[in-house]
Amino acid sequence: MARPSKYPRELRERAVRAVAQAMAQGEYPSEFEAIRTIARKLGIGSPETLRKWIRQAEVDGGTRPGKTTQELAEIRELKKEVAELRRANEILKTSSAFFAAELDRQSRF
């Protein structure tokens, strides 16, 4: 199970918007400088964290190829379901083998 995010969604959205606005206004010579400065101002532990948020927002917005946040959540849920079904299938296999052996023993007497 994934741990809850250390940062609230509002902070993430605000940080992504701040970098986009700063780049649109030409406030920084590079996107990296904007990310680094804004991450420090907002108390985000690592500029890499903010960079990942920006890239995911670009994917969600359709400007970058990749899996959207919604698709990733759906994949995560489907993986959980597959794991649960596999566990149930193993239980059923074990129990059917057990009962088959029981029936085989009863028919001999």
PDB file of N, CA and C in Angstrom:
ATOM      1  N   MET A   1       0.842  -1.176   0.000  1.00  0.00           N
ATOM      2  CA  MET A   1       0.000   0.000   0.000  1.00  0.00           C
ATOM      3  C   MET A   1       0.889   1.241   0.000  1.00  0.00           C
ATOM      4  N   ALA A   2       0.579   2.183  -0.852  1.00  0.00           N
ATOM      5  CA  ALA A   2       1.372   3.399  -0.959  1.00  0.00           C
ATOM      6  C   ALA A   2       1.119   4.298   0.252  1.00  0.00           C
ATOM      7  N   ARG A   3       2.165   4.963   0.648  1.00  0.00           N
ATOM      8  CA  ARG A   3       2.011   5.877   1.776  1.00  0.00           C
ATOM      9  C   ARG A   3       1.383   7.172   1.299  1.00  0.00           C
ATOM     10  N   PRO A   4       0.671   7.860   2.162  1.00  0.00           N
ATOM     11  CA  PRO A   4       0.059   9.123   1.758  1.00  0.00           C
ATOM     12  C   PRO A   4       1.141  10.160   1.451  1.00  0.00           C
ATOM     13  N   SER A   5       0.820  11.084   0.574  1.00  0.00           N
ATOM     14  CA  SER A   5       1.780  12.105   0.171  1.00  0.00           C
ATOM     15  C   SER A   5       2.117  13.017   1.347  1.00  0.00           C
ATOM     16  N   LYS A   6       3.374  13.392   1.393  1.00  0.00           N
ATOM     17  CA  LYS A   6       3.853  14.290   2.433  1.00  0.00           C
ATOM     18  C   LYS A   6       3.335  15.712   2.194  1.00  0.00           C
ATOM     19  N   TYR A   7       3.040  16.019   0.929  1.00  0.00           N
ATOM     20  CA  TYR A   7       2.611  17.356   0.555  1.00  0.00           C
ATOM     21  C   TYR A   7       1.141  17.352   0.129  1.00  0.00           C
ATOM     22  N   PRO A   8       0.373  18.336   0.568  1.00  0.00           N
ATOM     23  CA  PRO A   8      -1.034  18.404   0.158  1.00  0.00           C
ATOM     24  C   PRO A   8      -1.160  18.691  -1.346  1.00  0.00           C
ATOM     25  N   ARG A   9      -2.270  18.241  -1.915  1.00  0.00           N
ATOM     26  CA  ARG A   9      -2.505  18.422  -3.346  1.00  0.00           C
ATOM     27  C   ARG A   9      -2.465  19.902  -3.735  1.00  0.00           C
ATOM     28  N   GLU A  10      -2.991  20.768  -2.886  1.00  0.00           N
ATOM     29  CA  GLU A  10      -3.023  22.204  -3.177  1.00  0.00           C
ATOM     30  C   GLU A  10      -1.608  22.767  -3.332  1.00  0.00           C
ATOM     31  N   LEU A  11      -0.693  22.317  -2.470  1.00  0.00           N
ATOM     32  CA  LEU A  11       0.695  22.778  -2.557  1.00  0.00           C
ATOM     33  C   LEU A  11       1.329  22.308  -3.863  1.00  0.00           C
ATOM     34  N   ARG A  12       1.069  21.063  -4.226  1.00  0.00           N
ATOM     35  CA  ARG A  12       1.625  20.533  -5.476  1.00  0.00           C
ATOM     36  C   ARG A  12       1.121  21.328  -6.671  1.00  0.00           C
ATOM     37  N   GLU A  13      -0.185  21.584  -6.709  1.00  0.00           N
ATOM     38  CA  GLU A  13      -0.759  22.339  -7.822  1.00  0.00           C
ATOM     39  C   GLU A  13      -0.210  23.764  -7.859  1.00  0.00           C
ATOM     40  N   ARG A  14      -0.082  24.363  -6.696  1.00  0.00           N
ATOM     41  CA  ARG A  14       0.441  25.735  -6.610  1.00  0.00           C
ATOM     42  C   ARG A  14       1.882  25.792  -7.104  1.00  0.00           C
ATOM     43  N   ALA A  15       2.690  24.820  -6.722  1.00  0.00           N
ATOM     44  CA  ALA A  15       4.089  24.791  -7.132  1.00  0.00           C
ATOM     45  C   ALA A  15       4.213  24.616  -8.646  1.00  0.00           C
ATOM     46  N   VAL A  16       3.416  23.735  -9.212  1.00  0.00           N
ATOM     47  CA  VAL A  16       3.452  23.509 -10.666  1.00  0.00           C
ATOM     48  C   VAL A  16       3.038  24.782 -11.403  1.00  0.00           C
ATOM     49  N   ARG A  17       1.983  25.436 -10.918  1.00  0.00           N
ATOM     50  CA  ARG A  17       1.538  26.690 -11.538  1.00  0.00           C
ATOM     51  C   ARG A  17       2.616  27.770 -11.437  1.00  0.00           C
ATOM     52  N   ALA A  18       3.279  27.841 -10.278  1.00  0.00           N
ATOM     53  CA  ALA A  18       4.302  28.862 -10.064  1.00  0.00           C
ATOM     54  C   ALA A  18       5.453  28.681 -11.055  1.00  0.00           C
ATOM     55  N   VAL A  19       5.871  27.453 -11.280  1.00  0.00           N
ATOM     56  CA  VAL A  19       6.959  27.202 -12.233  1.00  0.00           C
ATOM     57  C   VAL A  19       6.504  27.559 -13.645  1.00  0.00           C
ATOM     58  N   ALA A  20       5.294  27.182 -14.014  1.00  0.00           N
ATOM     59  CA  ALA A  20       4.774  27.492 -15.351  1.00  0.00           C
ATOM     60  C   ALA A  20       4.703  29.006 -15.571  1.00  0.00           C
ATOM     61  N   GLN A  21       4.216  29.724 -14.573  1.00  0.00           N
ATOM     62  CA  GLN A  21       4.120  31.182 -14.696  1.00  0.00           C
ATOM     63  C   GLN A  21       5.503  31.817 -14.779  1.00  0.00           C
ATOM     64  N   ALA A  22       6.414  31.342 -13.947  1.00  0.00           N
ATOM     65  CA  ALA A  22       7.773  31.897 -13.951  1.00  0.00           C
ATOM     66  C   ALA A  22       8.452  31.671 -15.296  1.00  0.00           C
ATOM     67  N   MET A  23       8.241  30.509 -15.893  1.00  0.00           N
ATOM     68  CA  MET A  23       8.849  30.224 -17.193  1.00  0.00           C
ATOM     69  C   MET A  23       8.178  31.051 -18.292  1.00  0.00           C
ATOM     70  N   ALA A  24       6.859  31.226 -18.209  1.00  0.00           N
ATOM     71  CA  ALA A  24       6.144  32.016 -19.212  1.00  0.00           C
ATOM     72  C   ALA A  24       6.576  33.485 -19.176  1.00  0.00           C
ATOM     73  N   GLN A  25       6.887  33.973 -17.978  1.00  0.00           N
ATOM     74  CA  GLN A  25       7.301  35.368 -17.830  1.00  0.00           C
ATOM     75  C   GLN A  25       8.802  35.544 -18.017  1.00  0.00           C
ATOM     76  N   GLY A  26       9.528  34.453 -18.178  1.00  0.00           N
ATOM     77  CA  GLY A  26      10.974  34.542 -18.397  1.00  0.00           C
ATOM     78  C   GLY A  26      11.754  35.003 -17.182  1.00  0.00           C
ATOM     79  N   GLU A  27      11.272  34.678 -16.002  1.00  0.00           N
ATOM     80  CA  GLU A  27      11.927  35.115 -14.766  1.00  0.00           C
ATOM     81  C   GLU A  27      13.240  34.385 -14.504  1.00  0.00           C
ATOM     82  N   TYR A  28      13.382  33.182 -15.030  1.00  0.00           N
ATOM     83  CA  TYR A  28      14.570  32.362 -14.773  1.00  0.00           C
ATOM     84  C   TYR A  28      15.206  31.952 -16.103  1.00  0.00           C
ATOM     85  N   PRO A  29      16.538  31.781 -16.093  1.00  0.00           N
ATOM     86  CA  PRO A  29      17.219  31.404 -17.342  1.00  0.00           C
ATOM     87  C   PRO A  29      16.917  29.973 -17.791  1.00  0.00           C
ATOM     88  N   SER A  30      16.536  29.111 -16.848  1.00  0.00           N
ATOM     89  CA  SER A  30      16.233  27.721 -17.215  1.00  0.00           C
ATOM     90  C   SER A  30      15.118  27.191 -16.321  1.00  0.00           C
ATOM     91  N   GLU A  31      14.500  26.132 -16.793  1.00  0.00           N
ATOM     92  CA  GLU A  31      13.432  25.507 -16.001  1.00  0.00           C
ATOM     93  C   GLU A  31      14.017  24.960 -14.700  1.00  0.00           C
ATOM     94  N   PHE A  32      15.221  24.441 -14.765  1.00  0.00           N
ATOM     95  CA  PHE A  32      15.844  23.895 -13.559  1.00  0.00           C
ATOM     96  C   PHE A  32      16.003  24.964 -12.488  1.00  0.00           C
ATOM     97  N   GLU A  33      16.429  26.161 -12.881  1.00  0.00           N
ATOM     98  CA  GLU A  33      16.571  27.250 -11.910  1.00  0.00           C
ATOM     99  C   GLU A  33      15.219  27.603 -11.292  1.00  0.00           C
ATOM    100  N   ALA A  34      14.203  27.646 -12.113  1.00  0.00           N
ATOM    101  CA  ALA A  34      12.858  27.958 -11.609  1.00  0.00           C
ATOM    102  C   ALA A  34      12.407  26.888 -10.621  1.00  0.00           C
ATOM    103  N   ILE A  35      12.599  25.651 -10.989  1.00  0.00           N
ATOM    104  CA  ILE A  35      12.193  24.544 -10.113  1.00  0.00           C
ATOM    105  C   ILE A  35      12.948  24.606  -8.792  1.00  0.00           C
ATOM    106  N   ARG A  36      14.257  24.788  -8.882  1.00  0.00           N
ATOM    107  CA  ARG A  36      15.081  24.805  -7.668  1.00  0.00           C
ATOM    108  C   ARG A  36      14.683  25.946  -6.735  1.00  0.00           C
ATOM    109  N   THR A  37      14.496  27.128  -7.301  1.00  0.00           N
ATOM    110  CA  THR A  37      14.154  28.298  -6.490  1.00  0.00           C
ATOM    111  C   THR A  37      12.762  28.170  -5.873  1.00  0.00           C
ATOM    112  N   ILE A  38      11.789  27.772  -6.671  1.00  0.00           N
ATOM    113  CA  ILE A  38      10.406  27.662  -6.175  1.00  0.00           C
ATOM    114  C   ILE A  38      10.282  26.534  -5.156  1.00  0.00           C
ATOM    115  N   ALA A  39      10.988  25.431  -5.384  1.00  0.00           N
ATOM    116  CA  ALA A  39      10.962  24.331  -4.407  1.00  0.00           C
ATOM    117  C   ALA A  39      11.495  24.824  -3.057  1.00  0.00           C
ATOM    118  N   ARG A  40      12.561  25.583  -3.093  1.00  0.00           N
ATOM    119  CA  ARG A  40      13.139  26.102  -1.844  1.00  0.00           C
ATOM    120  C   ARG A  40      12.168  27.067  -1.169  1.00  0.00           C
ATOM    121  N   LYS A  41      11.538  27.961  -1.951  1.00  0.00           N
ATOM    122  CA  LYS A  41      10.605  28.944  -1.384  1.00  0.00           C
ATOM    123  C   LYS A  41       9.392  28.279  -0.736  1.00  0.00           C
ATOM    124  N   LEU A  42       8.903  27.198  -1.343  1.00  0.00           N
ATOM    125  CA  LEU A  42       7.704  26.537  -0.831  1.00  0.00           C
ATOM    126  C   LEU A  42       8.004  25.441   0.186  1.00  0.00           C
ATOM    127  N   GLY A  43       9.273  25.214   0.476  1.00  0.00           N
ATOM    128  CA  GLY A  43       9.632  24.217   1.480  1.00  0.00           C
ATOM    129  C   GLY A  43       9.516  22.784   0.991  1.00  0.00           C
ATOM    130  N   ILE A  44       9.669  22.593  -0.305  1.00  0.00           N
ATOM    131  CA  ILE A  44       9.642  21.241  -0.864  1.00  0.00           C
ATOM    132  C   ILE A  44      11.045  20.675  -0.721  1.00  0.00           C
ATOM    133  N   GLY A  45      11.143  19.494  -0.136  1.00  0.00           N
ATOM    134  CA  GLY A  45      12.434  18.918   0.224  1.00  0.00           C
ATOM    135  C   GLY A  45      13.448  18.820  -0.897  1.00  0.00           C
ATOM    136  N   SER A  46      13.014  18.448  -2.080  1.00  0.00           N
ATOM    137  CA  SER A  46      13.938  18.243  -3.182  1.00  0.00           C
ATOM    138  C   SER A  46      13.372  18.844  -4.463  1.00  0.00           C
ATOM    139  N   PRO A  47      14.210  19.515  -5.242  1.00  0.00           N
ATOM    140  CA  PRO A  47      13.735  20.022  -6.534  1.00  0.00           C
ATOM    141  C   PRO A  47      13.259  18.889  -7.452  1.00  0.00           C
ATOM    142  N   GLU A  48      13.827  17.717  -7.278  1.00  0.00           N
ATOM    143  CA  GLU A  48      13.426  16.561  -8.092  1.00  0.00           C
ATOM    144  C   GLU A  48      11.951  16.221  -7.857  1.00  0.00           C
ATOM    145  N   THR A  49      11.488  16.394  -6.649  1.00  0.00           N
ATOM    146  CA  THR A  49      10.081  16.152  -6.331  1.00  0.00           C
ATOM    147  C   THR A  49       9.194  17.070  -7.151  1.00  0.00           C
ATOM    148  N   LEU A  50       9.528  18.340  -7.181  1.00  0.00           N
ATOM    149  CA  LEU A  50       8.752  19.312  -7.954  1.00  0.00           C
ATOM    150  C   LEU A  50       8.857  19.010  -9.450  1.00  0.00           C
ATOM    151  N   ARG A  51      10.027  18.617  -9.915  1.00  0.00           N
ATOM    152  CA  ARG A  51      10.195  18.283 -11.331  1.00  0.00           C
ATOM    153  C   ARG A  51       9.270  17.139 -11.729  1.00  0.00           C
ATOM    154  N   LYS A  52       9.160  16.122 -10.872  1.00  0.00           N
ATOM    155  CA  LYS A  52       8.268  14.990 -11.148  1.00  0.00           C
ATOM    156  C   LYS A  52       6.812  15.446 -11.200  1.00  0.00           C
ATOM    157  N   TRP A  53       6.423  16.338 -10.285  1.00  0.00           N
ATOM    158  CA  TRP A  53       5.059  16.857 -10.300  1.00  0.00           C
ATOM    159  C   TRP A  53       4.774  17.584 -11.609  1.00  0.00           C
ATOM    160  N   ILE A  54       5.747  18.366 -12.070  1.00  0.00           N
ATOM    161  CA  ILE A  54       5.583  19.126 -13.315  1.00  0.00           C
ATOM    162  C   ILE A  54       5.435  18.175 -14.495  1.00  0.00           C
ATOM    163  N   ARG A  55       6.286  17.162 -14.565  1.00  0.00           N
ATOM    164  CA  ARG A  55       6.208  16.200 -15.670  1.00  0.00           C
ATOM    165  C   ARG A  55       4.876  15.458 -15.664  1.00  0.00           C
ATOM    166  N   GLN A  56       4.396  15.088 -14.475  1.00  0.00           N
ATOM    167  CA  GLN A  56       3.108  14.397 -14.389  1.00  0.00           C
ATOM    168  C   GLN A  56       1.974  15.323 -14.794  1.00  0.00           C
ATOM    169  N   ALA A  57       2.055  16.587 -14.426  1.00  0.00           N
ATOM    170  CA  ALA A  57       1.034  17.556 -14.826  1.00  0.00           C
ATOM    171  C   ALA A  57       1.036  17.727 -16.347  1.00  0.00           C
ATOM    172  N   GLU A  58       2.210  17.684 -16.958  1.00  0.00           N
ATOM    173  CA  GLU A  58       2.297  17.764 -18.414  1.00  0.00           C
ATOM    174  C   GLU A  58       1.648  16.546 -19.065  1.00  0.00           C
ATOM    175  N   VAL A  59       1.873  15.375 -18.491  1.00  0.00           N
ATOM    176  CA  VAL A  59       1.239  14.149 -19.017  1.00  0.00           C
ATOM    177  C   VAL A  59      -0.263  14.249 -18.855  1.00  0.00           C
ATOM    178  N   ASP A  60      -0.710  14.666 -17.682  1.00  0.00           N
ATOM    179  CA  ASP A  60      -2.151  14.801 -17.425  1.00  0.00           C
ATOM    180  C   ASP A  60      -2.789  15.829 -18.356  1.00  0.00           C
ATOM    181  N   GLY A  61      -2.035  16.868 -18.698  1.00  0.00           N
ATOM    182  CA  GLY A  61      -2.547  17.910 -19.582  1.00  0.00           C
ATOM    183  C   GLY A  61      -2.482  17.545 -21.055  1.00  0.00           C
ATOM    184  N   GLY A  62      -1.823  16.441 -21.373  1.00  0.00           N
ATOM    185  CA  GLY A  62      -1.745  15.997 -22.756  1.00  0.00           C
ATOM    186  C   GLY A  62      -0.600  16.604 -23.545  1.00  0.00           C
ATOM    187  N   THR A  63       0.287  17.335 -22.895  1.00  0.00           N
ATOM    188  CA  THR A  63       1.413  17.940 -23.611  1.00  0.00           C
ATOM    189  C   THR A  63       2.656  17.056 -23.626  1.00  0.00           C
ATOM    190  N   ARG A  64       2.609  15.974 -22.898  1.00  0.00           N
ATOM    191  CA  ARG A  64       3.739  15.037 -22.829  1.00  0.00           C
ATOM    192  C   ARG A  64       3.170  13.623 -22.874  1.00  0.00           C
ATOM    193  N   PRO A  65       3.826  12.733 -23.617  1.00  0.00           N
ATOM    194  CA  PRO A  65       3.327  11.351 -23.660  1.00  0.00           C
ATOM    195  C   PRO A  65       3.564  10.629 -22.331  1.00  0.00           C
ATOM    196  N   GLY A  66       2.708   9.682 -22.030  1.00  0.00           N
ATOM    197  CA  GLY A  66       2.851   8.895 -20.810  1.00  0.00           C
ATOM    198  C   GLY A  66       1.496   8.542 -20.242  1.00  0.00           C
ATOM    199  N   LYS A  67       1.529   7.860 -19.104  1.00  0.00           N
ATOM    200  CA  LYS A  67       0.294   7.443 -18.446  1.00  0.00           C
ATOM    201  C   LYS A  67      -0.179   8.551 -17.511  1.00  0.00           C
ATOM    202  N   THR A  68      -1.449   8.889 -17.609  1.00  0.00           N
ATOM    203  CA  THR A  68      -2.009   9.941 -16.768  1.00  0.00           C
ATOM    204  C   THR A  68      -2.165   9.434 -15.335  1.00  0.00           C
ATOM    205  N   THR A  69      -2.395  10.351 -14.440  1.00  0.00           N
ATOM    206  CA  THR A  69      -2.594   9.999 -13.038  1.00  0.00           C
ATOM    207  C   THR A  69      -3.776   9.049 -12.887  1.00  0.00           C
ATOM    208  N   GLN A  70      -4.828   9.295 -13.643  1.00  0.00           N
ATOM    209  CA  GLN A  70      -6.016   8.435 -13.578  1.00  0.00           C
ATOM    210  C   GLN A  70      -5.676   7.028 -14.075  1.00  0.00           C
ATOM    211  N   GLU A  71      -4.922   6.939 -15.158  1.00  0.00           N
ATOM    212  CA  GLU A  71      -4.524   5.624 -15.681  1.00  0.00           C
ATOM    213  C   GLU A  71      -3.641   4.883 -14.683  1.00  0.00           C
ATOM    214  N   LEU A  72      -2.719   5.603 -14.054  1.00  0.00           N
ATOM    215  CA  LEU A  72      -1.850   4.977 -13.058  1.00  0.00           C
ATOM    216  C   LEU A  72      -2.648   4.453 -11.868  1.00  0.00           C
ATOM    217  N   ALA A  73      -3.648   5.212 -11.438  1.00  0.00           N
ATOM    218  CA  ALA A  73      -4.498   4.769 -10.327  1.00  0.00           C
ATOM    219  C   ALA A  73      -5.286   3.525 -10.725  1.00  0.00           C
ATOM    220  N   GLU A  74      -5.786   3.507 -11.956  1.00  0.00           N
ATOM    221  CA  GLU A  74      -6.533   2.345 -12.436  1.00  0.00           C
ATOM    222  C   GLU A  74      -5.631   1.117 -12.519  1.00  0.00           C
ATOM    223  N   ILE A  75      -4.422   1.295 -12.997  1.00  0.00           N
ATOM    224  CA  ILE A  75      -3.469   0.184 -13.073  1.00  0.00           C
ATOM    225  C   ILE A  75      -3.177  -0.358 -11.675  1.00  0.00           C
ATOM    226  N   ARG A  76      -2.980   0.555 -10.715  1.00  0.00           N
ATOM    227  CA  ARG A  76      -2.716   0.152  -9.330  1.00  0.00           C
ATOM    228  C   ARG A  76      -3.876  -0.677  -8.782  1.00  0.00           C
ATOM    229  N   GLU A  77      -5.111  -0.223  -9.026  1.00  0.00           N
ATOM    230  CA  GLU A  77      -6.292  -0.949  -8.553  1.00  0.00           C
ATOM    231  C   GLU A  77      -6.403  -2.322  -9.222  1.00  0.00           C
ATOM    232  N   LEU A  78      -6.140  -2.371 -10.512  1.00  0.00           N
ATOM    233  CA  LEU A  78      -6.216  -3.652 -11.221  1.00  0.00           C
ATOM    234  C   LEU A  78      -5.154  -4.628 -10.728  1.00  0.00           C
ATOM    235  N   LYS A  79      -3.971  -4.127 -10.413  1.00  0.00           N
ATOM    236  CA  LYS A  79      -2.918  -4.997  -9.870  1.00  0.00           C
ATOM    237  C   LYS A  79      -3.334  -5.574  -8.520  1.00  0.00           C
ATOM    238  N   LYS A  80      -3.980  -4.737  -7.697  1.00  0.00           N
ATOM    239  CA  LYS A  80      -4.480  -5.230  -6.410  1.00  0.00           C
ATOM    240  C   LYS A  80      -5.508  -6.332  -6.632  1.00  0.00           C
ATOM    241  N   GLU A  81      -6.421  -6.098  -7.577  1.00  0.00           N
ATOM    242  CA  GLU A  81      -7.466  -7.069  -7.859  1.00  0.00           C
ATOM    243  C   GLU A  81      -6.879  -8.380  -8.377  1.00  0.00           C
ATOM    244  N   VAL A  82      -5.894  -8.288  -9.257  1.00  0.00           N
ATOM    245  CA  VAL A  82      -5.239  -9.491  -9.788  1.00  0.00           C
ATOM    246  C   VAL A  82      -4.581 -10.271  -8.652  1.00  0.00           C
ATOM    247  N   ALA A  83      -3.882  -9.571  -7.757  1.00  0.00           N
ATOM    248  CA  ALA A  83      -3.230 -10.242  -6.633  1.00  0.00           C
ATOM    249  C   ALA A  83      -4.258 -10.940  -5.749  1.00  0.00           C
ATOM    250  N   GLU A  84      -5.378 -10.273  -5.491  1.00  0.00           N
ATOM    251  CA  GLU A  84      -6.431 -10.866  -4.662  1.00  0.00           C
ATOM    252  C   GLU A  84      -7.021 -12.096  -5.341  1.00  0.00           C
ATOM    253  N   LEU A  85      -7.274 -12.015  -6.633  1.00  0.00           N
ATOM    254  CA  LEU A  85      -7.828 -13.148  -7.365  1.00  0.00           C
ATOM    255  C   LEU A  85      -6.846 -14.318  -7.419  1.00  0.00           C
ATOM    256  N   ARG A  86      -5.571 -14.023  -7.539  1.00  0.00           N
ATOM    257  CA  ARG A  86      -4.567 -15.100  -7.531  1.00  0.00           C
ATOM    258  C   ARG A  86      -4.535 -15.799  -6.182  1.00  0.00           C
ATOM    259  N   ARG A  87      -4.617 -15.017  -5.104  1.00  0.00           N
ATOM    260  CA  ARG A  87      -4.663 -15.624  -3.761  1.00  0.00           C
ATOM    261  C   ARG A  87      -5.895 -16.508  -3.621  1.00  0.00           C
ATOM    262  N   ALA A  88      -7.035 -16.004  -4.069  1.00  0.00           N
ATOM    263  CA  ALA A  88      -8.271 -16.790  -3.986  1.00  0.00           C
ATOM    264  C   ALA A  88      -8.160 -18.057  -4.823  1.00  0.00           C
ATOM    265  N   ASN A  89      -7.550 -17.948  -5.981  1.00  0.00           N
ATOM    266  CA  ASN A  89      -7.373 -19.105  -6.849  1.00  0.00           C
ATOM    267  C   ASN A  89      -6.488 -20.158  -6.177  1.00  0.00           C
ATOM    268  N   GLU A  90      -5.434 -19.735  -5.522  1.00  0.00           N
ATOM    269  CA  GLU A  90      -4.561 -20.677  -4.805  1.00  0.00           C
ATOM    270  C   GLU A  90      -5.318 -21.376  -3.680  1.00  0.00           C
ATOM    271  N   ILE A  91      -6.131 -20.626  -2.966  1.00  0.00           N
ATOM    272  CA  ILE A  91      -6.934 -21.220  -1.891  1.00  0.00           C
ATOM    273  C   ILE A  91      -7.885 -22.255  -2.467  1.00  0.00           C
ATOM    274  N   LEU A  92      -8.526 -21.928  -3.563  1.00  0.00           N
ATOM    275  CA  LEU A  92      -9.458 -22.872  -4.191  1.00  0.00           C
ATOM    276  C   LEU A  92      -8.738 -24.126  -4.689  1.00  0.00           C
ATOM    277  N   LYS A  93      -7.555 -23.969  -5.254  1.00  0.00           N
ATOM    278  CA  LYS A  93      -6.789 -25.131  -5.723  1.00  0.00           C
ATOM    279  C   LYS A  93      -6.429 -26.041  -4.558  1.00  0.00           C
ATOM    280  N   THR A  94      -5.974 -25.427  -3.481  1.00  0.00           N
ATOM    281  CA  THR A  94      -5.581 -26.204  -2.305  1.00  0.00           C
ATOM    282  C   THR A  94      -6.782 -26.936  -1.708  1.00  0.00           C
ATOM    283  N   SER A  95      -7.894 -26.215  -1.591  1.00  0.00           N
ATOM    284  CA  SER A  95      -9.064 -26.855  -0.988  1.00  0.00           C
ATOM    285  C   SER A  95      -9.646 -27.930  -1.897  1.00  0.00           C
ATOM    286  N   SER A  96      -9.621 -27.720  -3.198  1.00  0.00           N
ATOM    287  CA  SER A  96     -10.151 -28.757  -4.090  1.00  0.00           C
ATOM    288  C   SER A  96      -9.267 -30.004  -4.043  1.00  0.00           C
ATOM    289  N   ALA A  97      -7.962 -29.839  -3.924  1.00  0.00           N
ATOM    290  CA  ALA A  97      -7.069 -30.995  -3.795  1.00  0.00           C
ATOM    291  C   ALA A  97      -7.344 -31.725  -2.484  1.00  0.00           C
ATOM    292  N   PHE A  98      -7.574 -30.963  -1.417  1.00  0.00           N
ATOM    293  CA  PHE A  98      -7.862 -31.562  -0.119  1.00  0.00           C
ATOM    294  C   PHE A  98      -9.154 -32.379  -0.171  1.00  0.00           C
ATOM    295  N   PHE A  99     -10.223 -31.783  -0.713  1.00  0.00           N
ATOM    296  CA  PHE A  99     -11.505 -32.480  -0.765  1.00  0.00           C
ATOM    297  C   PHE A  99     -11.483 -33.652  -1.739  1.00  0.00           C
ATOM    298  N   ALA A 100     -10.729 -33.535  -2.798  1.00  0.00           N
ATOM    299  CA  ALA A 100     -10.601 -34.657  -3.735  1.00  0.00           C
ATOM    300  C   ALA A 100      -9.925 -35.837  -3.037  1.00  0.00           C
ATOM    301  N   ALA A 101      -8.911 -35.547  -2.230  1.00  0.00           N
ATOM    302  CA  ALA A 101      -8.234 -36.602  -1.488  1.00  0.00           C
ATOM    303  C   ALA A 101      -9.178 -37.218  -0.460  1.00  0.00           C
ATOM    304  N   GLU A 102     -10.004 -36.396   0.178  1.00  0.00           N
ATOM    305  CA  GLU A 102     -10.994 -36.900   1.151  1.00  0.00           C
ATOM    306  C   GLU A 102     -12.001 -37.830   0.479  1.00  0.00           C
ATOM    307  N   LEU A 103     -12.501 -37.417  -0.664  1.00  0.00           N
ATOM    308  CA  LEU A 103     -13.472 -38.232  -1.377  1.00  0.00           C
ATOM    309  C   LEU A 103     -12.854 -39.550  -1.841  1.00  0.00           C
ATOM    310  N   ASP A 104     -11.599 -39.498  -2.245  1.00  0.00           N
ATOM    311  CA  ASP A 104     -10.903 -40.694  -2.693  1.00  0.00           C
ATOM    312  C   ASP A 104     -10.743 -41.681  -1.526  1.00  0.00           C
ATOM    313  N   ARG A 105     -10.437 -41.169  -0.344  1.00  0.00           N
ATOM    314  CA  ARG A 105     -10.282 -42.040   0.827  1.00  0.00           C
ATOM    315  C   ARG A 105     -11.612 -42.646   1.246  1.00  0.00           C
ATOM    316  N   GLN A 106     -12.696 -41.905   1.179  1.00  0.00           N
ATOM    317  CA  GLN A 106     -14.001 -42.409   1.601  1.00  0.00           C
ATOM    318  C   GLN A 106     -14.517 -43.504   0.671  1.00  0.00           C
ATOM    319  N   SER A 107     -14.230 -43.412  -0.601  1.00  0.00           N
ATOM    320  CA  SER A 107     -14.748 -44.395  -1.540  1.00  0.00           C
ATOM    321  C   SER A 107     -14.016 -45.751  -1.412  1.00  0.00           C
ATOM    322  N   ARG A 108     -12.881 -45.803  -0.833  1.00  0.00           N
ATOM    323  CA  ARG A 108     -12.139 -47.044  -0.680  1.00  0.00           C
ATOM    324  C   ARG A 108     -12.733 -47.938   0.406  1.00  0.00           C
ATOM    325  N   PHE A 109     -13.423 -47.378   1.363  1.00  0.00           N
ATOM    326  CA  PHE A 109     -13.922 -48.181   2.498  1.00  0.00           C
ATOM    327  C   PHE A 109     -15.309 -48.611   2.284  1.00  0.00           C
TER     328      PHE A 109
END
